[in-house]
Amino acid sequence: NRKKSCRPLQDRAGEYFMYNAHFRFRESPFGVTPDPQFYYSNTVYQEAWATLGYGIEARKGFILLTGEAGTGKTTLLKKAKTAFDSRVKTAYVPYTPFNQAELLPSILTDLGLPACDSRSALACFTDYLIEQFGKGNIVALLIDEAQNLSLESLEELRCLGNLETAKDKLVQIVLAGQVELEQKLDQPALRQLKQRVVLRSRLKPVAHSEVKLYMDSRLQVIGHNTEKLFDPGAIEKIALYSAGIPRLINIICDNALLIAYALSEREVSAAMIDEVAEELR
């Protein structure tokens, strides 16, 4: 029976950051930008991280990381960008190039190498790989949203993966993408690439019973907990509406806190979660 907040969520944008002071947050705990400091570790994510780490450090070549949109693939890649020691040189490609000619130059740029034209990029990259291998270093390419890569770009990555010594791969390539990526690799044209995938991991939504633990983990990063912030009914509703997708949990929690702030409330209720779900459709 609670009265709804007076303005739609989109009309309260100016209040967005003000609720941090209201709840005494040093930063927003439920932002949607992938941030490794909020990395959530459960059995599924631990297994995915272990697969990623082993594949890169053991020079296994191609590693496949898949999951529904919003399950944390980008967060995992960003964690990989900084979590290894200095022996591991990583290039993170956060977007999908529109054509084959853009892919390798993007990789070289993120590795900090001088710009090369498309004709000499492969030679520059090969020289770099040989140099790093000679120093005992590992080069890893972290390709995000790989389901959107063209067949030509995926074939180019396969060719890069063929750069090797008699015993070791010179470059480790992580292909991260939505589940459509698995279907794409089933195409006959990508048969050779699929055969080169040595390790696979799939991220799953957070279990219904784990949603509170996920929320707690993010709040703990900024020194808070859910006990006096979300009532039990609200947490149940968040689990229901989000279906355990971390990004959706964040969006729902973030907007519910905004509603609570607008109403000068200190606790998020189940009714507020219903309101968020209705307004965000």
Protein backbone atom coordinates (compact mmCIF):
# COMPACT_ATOMS: atom_id res chain seq x y z
CA ASN A 1 0.00 0.00 0.00
CA ARG A 2 3.02 2.27 -0.03
CA LYS A 3 2.64 5.31 -2.23
CA LYS A 4 4.80 5.11 -5.30
CA SER A 5 7.65 7.56 -5.74
CA CYS A 6 6.43 10.64 -7.53
CA ARG A 7 8.59 10.63 -10.68
CA PRO A 8 9.72 7.94 -13.15
CA LEU A 9 13.27 6.66 -12.76
CA GLN A 10 14.48 8.40 -15.89
CA ASP A 11 13.29 11.78 -14.49
CA ARG A 12 15.34 11.36 -11.31
CA ALA A 13 18.74 11.16 -13.03
CA GLY A 14 19.99 14.27 -11.22
CA GLU A 15 19.58 12.48 -7.88
CA TYR A 16 21.52 9.43 -8.97
CA PHE A 17 24.81 10.15 -7.21
CA MET A 18 23.19 11.96 -4.28
CA TYR A 19 21.93 8.71 -2.82
CA ASN A 20 25.51 7.71 -2.01
CA ALA A 21 25.59 10.37 0.69
CA HIS A 22 22.10 9.37 1.88
CA PHE A 23 23.22 5.77 2.48
CA ARG A 24 26.78 6.76 3.45
CA PHE A 25 28.31 4.89 0.49
CA ARG A 26 31.80 5.92 -0.50
CA GLU A 27 30.86 4.77 -4.03
CA SER A 28 27.90 3.15 -5.71
CA PRO A 29 27.91 -0.58 -4.90
CA PHE A 30 25.70 -1.65 -7.80
CA GLY A 31 27.17 0.07 -10.85
CA VAL A 32 26.80 -1.67 -14.19
CA THR A 33 30.33 -0.94 -15.43
CA PRO A 34 32.43 -4.13 -15.10
CA ASP A 35 34.79 -3.49 -12.18
CA PRO A 36 37.26 -6.18 -11.02
CA GLN A 37 37.17 -4.92 -7.43
CA PHE A 38 33.55 -6.16 -7.26
CA TYR A 39 34.46 -9.57 -8.70
CA TYR A 40 32.15 -12.15 -7.13
CA SER A 41 33.71 -15.50 -6.32
CA ASN A 42 31.52 -18.58 -6.07
CA THR A 43 32.11 -22.12 -7.33
CA VAL A 44 31.23 -21.26 -10.93
CA TYR A 45 33.40 -18.14 -11.05
CA GLN A 46 36.27 -19.85 -9.25
CA GLU A 47 36.22 -22.63 -11.83
CA ALA A 48 36.11 -20.11 -14.69
CA TRP A 49 39.00 -18.13 -13.22
CA ALA A 50 41.03 -21.29 -12.62
CA THR A 51 40.44 -22.37 -16.24
CA LEU A 52 41.48 -18.96 -17.51
CA GLY A 53 44.59 -18.81 -15.35
CA TYR A 54 45.69 -22.35 -16.14
CA GLY A 55 45.13 -21.95 -19.86
CA ILE A 56 47.19 -18.78 -20.03
CA GLU A 57 50.04 -19.75 -17.71
CA ALA A 58 50.36 -23.26 -19.16
CA ARG A 59 50.40 -21.85 -22.73
CA LYS A 60 47.41 -23.90 -23.85
CA GLY A 61 46.50 -21.75 -26.83
CA PHE A 62 42.77 -21.17 -27.29
CA ILE A 63 40.44 -20.82 -24.30
CA LEU A 64 36.67 -20.34 -24.65
CA LEU A 65 34.65 -18.40 -22.06
CA THR A 66 30.90 -18.15 -22.66
CA GLY A 67 27.81 -17.09 -20.77
CA GLU A 68 24.54 -15.23 -21.09
CA ALA A 69 24.71 -11.45 -21.38
CA GLY A 70 25.37 -9.89 -17.99
CA THR A 71 26.88 -12.92 -16.27
CA GLY A 72 30.30 -11.34 -15.73
CA LYS A 73 32.52 -12.27 -18.65
CA THR A 74 33.93 -8.78 -19.08
CA THR A 75 34.60 -8.46 -15.35
CA LEU A 76 36.56 -11.71 -15.49
CA LEU A 77 38.60 -10.49 -18.46
CA LYS A 78 39.35 -7.20 -16.73
CA LYS A 79 40.47 -9.14 -13.69
CA ALA A 80 42.78 -11.14 -15.95
CA LYS A 81 44.14 -7.88 -17.36
CA THR A 82 45.64 -6.97 -13.97
CA ALA A 83 45.77 -10.11 -11.82
CA PHE A 84 48.76 -11.91 -13.37
CA ASP A 85 52.35 -11.10 -12.56
CA SER A 86 54.56 -9.05 -14.87
CA ARG A 87 55.49 -12.11 -16.94
CA VAL A 88 52.05 -12.13 -18.53
CA LYS A 89 51.50 -9.44 -21.14
CA THR A 90 47.82 -9.03 -21.98
CA ALA A 91 45.94 -7.25 -24.73
CA TYR A 92 42.25 -6.65 -24.06
CA VAL A 93 40.03 -6.00 -27.07
CA PRO A 94 36.83 -4.59 -25.50
CA TYR A 95 34.88 -4.08 -28.70
CA THR A 96 34.33 -5.99 -31.90
CA PRO A 97 36.13 -4.50 -34.92
CA PHE A 98 33.93 -4.10 -37.95
CA ASN A 99 36.47 -5.52 -40.33
CA GLN A 100 39.41 -7.87 -40.33
CA ALA A 101 41.97 -5.11 -40.90
CA GLU A 102 41.17 -3.48 -37.53
CA LEU A 103 41.71 -6.51 -35.31
CA LEU A 104 45.48 -6.93 -35.21
CA PRO A 105 46.22 -3.17 -35.01
CA SER A 106 43.86 -3.03 -32.00
CA ILE A 107 45.84 -5.80 -30.34
CA LEU A 108 49.17 -4.10 -31.03
CA THR A 109 47.89 -0.83 -29.60
CA ASP A 110 46.79 -2.45 -26.34
CA LEU A 111 50.16 -4.19 -26.02
CA GLY A 112 51.77 -0.76 -26.20
CA LEU A 113 53.49 -1.41 -29.53
CA PRO A 114 54.05 1.27 -32.18
CA ALA A 115 51.35 1.59 -34.80
CA CYS A 116 51.88 -0.56 -37.88
CA ASP A 117 49.93 -0.62 -41.09
CA SER A 118 47.86 -3.71 -41.76
CA ARG A 119 50.49 -5.17 -44.08
CA SER A 120 53.31 -5.05 -41.51
CA ALA A 121 51.20 -5.65 -38.37
CA LEU A 122 51.67 -9.42 -38.48
CA ALA A 123 55.46 -9.08 -38.75
CA CYS A 124 55.48 -6.61 -35.82
CA PHE A 125 53.34 -8.96 -33.75
CA THR A 126 55.43 -12.04 -34.57
CA ASP A 127 58.65 -10.25 -33.63
CA TYR A 128 57.06 -9.18 -30.35
CA LEU A 129 55.93 -12.74 -29.54
CA ILE A 130 59.39 -14.16 -30.22
CA GLU A 131 60.99 -11.45 -28.08
CA GLN A 132 58.63 -12.07 -25.16
CA PHE A 133 59.03 -15.84 -25.39
CA GLY A 134 62.80 -15.40 -25.25
CA LYS A 135 62.37 -13.45 -22.01
CA GLY A 136 60.18 -16.18 -20.52
CA ASN A 137 57.05 -14.03 -20.77
CA ILE A 138 53.55 -15.01 -21.87
CA VAL A 139 51.37 -13.02 -24.26
CA ALA A 140 47.60 -13.38 -23.89
CA LEU A 141 44.87 -11.87 -26.05
CA LEU A 142 41.56 -11.28 -24.27
CA ILE A 143 38.87 -10.92 -26.93
CA ASP A 144 35.50 -9.72 -25.60
CA GLU A 145 32.14 -10.05 -27.38
CA ALA A 146 33.76 -12.58 -29.69
CA GLN A 147 30.36 -13.82 -30.89
CA ASN A 148 30.22 -10.68 -33.03
CA LEU A 149 33.50 -11.29 -34.82
CA SER A 150 33.26 -12.00 -38.51
CA LEU A 151 34.30 -15.38 -39.86
CA GLU A 152 37.33 -13.66 -41.40
CA SER A 153 38.41 -12.18 -38.05
CA LEU A 154 37.99 -15.51 -36.29
CA GLU A 155 40.03 -17.16 -39.00
CA GLU A 156 42.71 -14.51 -38.50
CA LEU A 157 42.80 -15.34 -34.79
CA ARG A 158 43.18 -19.01 -35.68
CA CYS A 159 46.18 -18.15 -37.81
CA LEU A 160 47.68 -16.08 -34.98
CA GLY A 161 47.19 -19.08 -32.72
CA ASN A 162 49.35 -21.12 -35.10
CA LEU A 163 52.39 -19.05 -34.12
CA GLU A 164 54.35 -21.47 -31.97
CA THR A 165 57.65 -23.12 -31.20
CA ALA A 166 58.19 -26.86 -31.40
CA LYS A 167 56.68 -27.22 -27.92
CA ASP A 168 54.84 -24.05 -26.93
CA LYS A 169 52.20 -21.65 -28.20
CA LEU A 170 53.59 -18.17 -28.60
CA VAL A 171 50.23 -16.52 -27.92
CA GLN A 172 47.30 -17.51 -25.72
CA ILE A 173 43.89 -16.42 -26.98
CA VAL A 174 40.78 -16.13 -24.80
CA LEU A 175 37.56 -15.92 -26.80
CA ALA A 176 34.83 -14.57 -24.53
CA GLY A 177 31.28 -14.21 -25.73
CA GLN A 178 27.63 -15.02 -25.35
CA VAL A 179 26.38 -18.55 -25.89
CA GLU A 180 25.92 -17.77 -29.59
CA LEU A 181 29.69 -18.01 -29.87
CA GLU A 182 29.51 -21.75 -29.22
CA GLN A 183 26.96 -22.08 -32.02
CA LYS A 184 29.13 -19.99 -34.32
CA LEU A 185 32.10 -22.28 -33.76
CA ASP A 186 29.96 -25.21 -34.88
CA GLN A 187 29.91 -23.81 -38.42
CA PRO A 188 31.90 -25.90 -40.92
CA ALA A 189 33.99 -22.86 -41.89
CA LEU A 190 35.31 -22.64 -38.31
CA ARG A 191 35.98 -26.34 -37.85
CA GLN A 192 39.74 -25.85 -37.56
CA LEU A 193 39.35 -23.10 -34.95
CA LYS A 194 36.94 -25.19 -32.88
CA GLN A 195 39.43 -28.06 -32.86
CA ARG A 196 42.06 -25.74 -31.39
CA VAL A 197 39.96 -24.78 -28.37
CA VAL A 198 41.68 -26.67 -25.56
CA LEU A 199 39.75 -25.33 -22.55
CA ARG A 200 36.14 -24.22 -22.14
CA SER A 201 34.21 -22.58 -19.33
CA ARG A 202 30.65 -21.28 -19.16
CA LEU A 203 29.42 -18.71 -16.65
CA LYS A 204 25.96 -19.31 -15.21
CA PRO A 205 23.53 -16.97 -13.44
CA VAL A 206 23.80 -16.74 -9.67
CA ALA A 207 21.55 -19.29 -7.97
CA HIS A 208 18.36 -17.96 -6.34
CA SER A 209 19.73 -18.80 -2.89
CA GLU A 210 22.98 -16.96 -3.68
CA VAL A 211 21.56 -13.60 -4.72
CA LYS A 212 21.85 -12.19 -1.20
CA LEU A 213 25.46 -13.42 -0.99
CA TYR A 214 26.18 -11.67 -4.29
CA MET A 215 24.64 -8.44 -3.03
CA ASP A 216 26.53 -8.75 0.26
CA SER A 217 29.83 -9.22 -1.56
CA ARG A 218 29.41 -5.93 -3.42
CA LEU A 219 28.32 -4.04 -0.33
CA GLN A 220 31.23 -5.44 1.66
CA VAL A 221 33.64 -3.91 -0.84
CA ILE A 222 32.42 -0.49 0.26
CA GLY A 223 31.95 -1.45 3.92
CA HIS A 224 28.20 -2.12 4.04
CA ASN A 225 25.85 -5.12 4.26
CA THR A 226 22.27 -5.93 3.23
CA GLU A 227 20.90 -6.51 6.72
CA LYS A 228 19.55 -2.97 7.20
CA LEU A 229 19.44 -1.94 3.56
CA PHE A 230 17.17 -4.47 1.80
CA ASP A 231 14.38 -6.23 3.65
CA PRO A 232 14.07 -10.01 3.09
CA GLY A 233 11.06 -9.58 0.82
CA ALA A 234 13.02 -7.18 -1.38
CA ILE A 235 15.85 -9.67 -1.75
CA GLU A 236 13.39 -12.37 -2.78
CA LYS A 237 11.91 -10.05 -5.40
CA ILE A 238 15.39 -9.13 -6.71
CA ALA A 239 16.19 -12.83 -7.14
CA LEU A 240 12.88 -13.34 -8.95
CA TYR A 241 13.08 -10.43 -11.37
CA SER A 242 16.81 -10.74 -12.14
CA ALA A 243 16.81 -14.52 -12.68
CA GLY A 244 20.26 -14.41 -11.09
CA ILE A 245 21.89 -12.36 -13.87
CA PRO A 246 24.48 -10.18 -12.06
CA ARG A 247 23.99 -7.18 -14.35
CA LEU A 248 20.23 -7.24 -13.75
CA ILE A 249 20.73 -7.60 -10.00
CA ASN A 250 22.90 -4.47 -10.12
CA ILE A 251 20.39 -2.50 -12.20
CA ILE A 252 17.46 -3.42 -9.96
CA CYS A 253 19.35 -2.68 -6.73
CA ASP A 254 20.72 0.59 -8.04
CA ASN A 255 17.31 1.90 -9.09
CA ALA A 256 15.63 0.64 -5.91
CA LEU A 257 18.16 2.56 -3.80
CA LEU A 258 17.38 5.63 -5.88
CA ILE A 259 13.68 5.24 -5.09
CA ALA A 260 14.43 4.78 -1.40
CA TYR A 261 16.52 7.94 -1.44
CA ALA A 262 13.75 9.89 -3.22
CA LEU A 263 11.32 8.80 -0.48
CA SER A 264 13.84 9.54 2.31
CA GLU A 265 13.76 5.86 3.29
CA ARG A 266 16.74 3.95 4.69
CA GLU A 267 15.57 0.47 3.68
CA VAL A 268 14.49 -0.95 0.33
CA SER A 269 11.16 -2.77 0.47
CA ALA A 270 9.64 -5.44 -1.75
CA ALA A 271 7.18 -2.84 -3.05
CA MET A 272 10.08 -0.70 -4.26
CA ILE A 273 11.49 -3.65 -6.17
CA ASP A 274 8.09 -4.20 -7.80
CA GLU A 275 8.07 -0.54 -8.80
CA VAL A 276 11.54 -0.80 -10.34
CA ALA A 277 10.57 -3.94 -12.25
CA GLU A 278 7.43 -2.22 -13.58
CA GLU A 279 9.24 0.96 -14.63
CA LEU A 280 12.15 -0.90 -16.26
CA ARG A 281 9.76 -3.39 -17.86
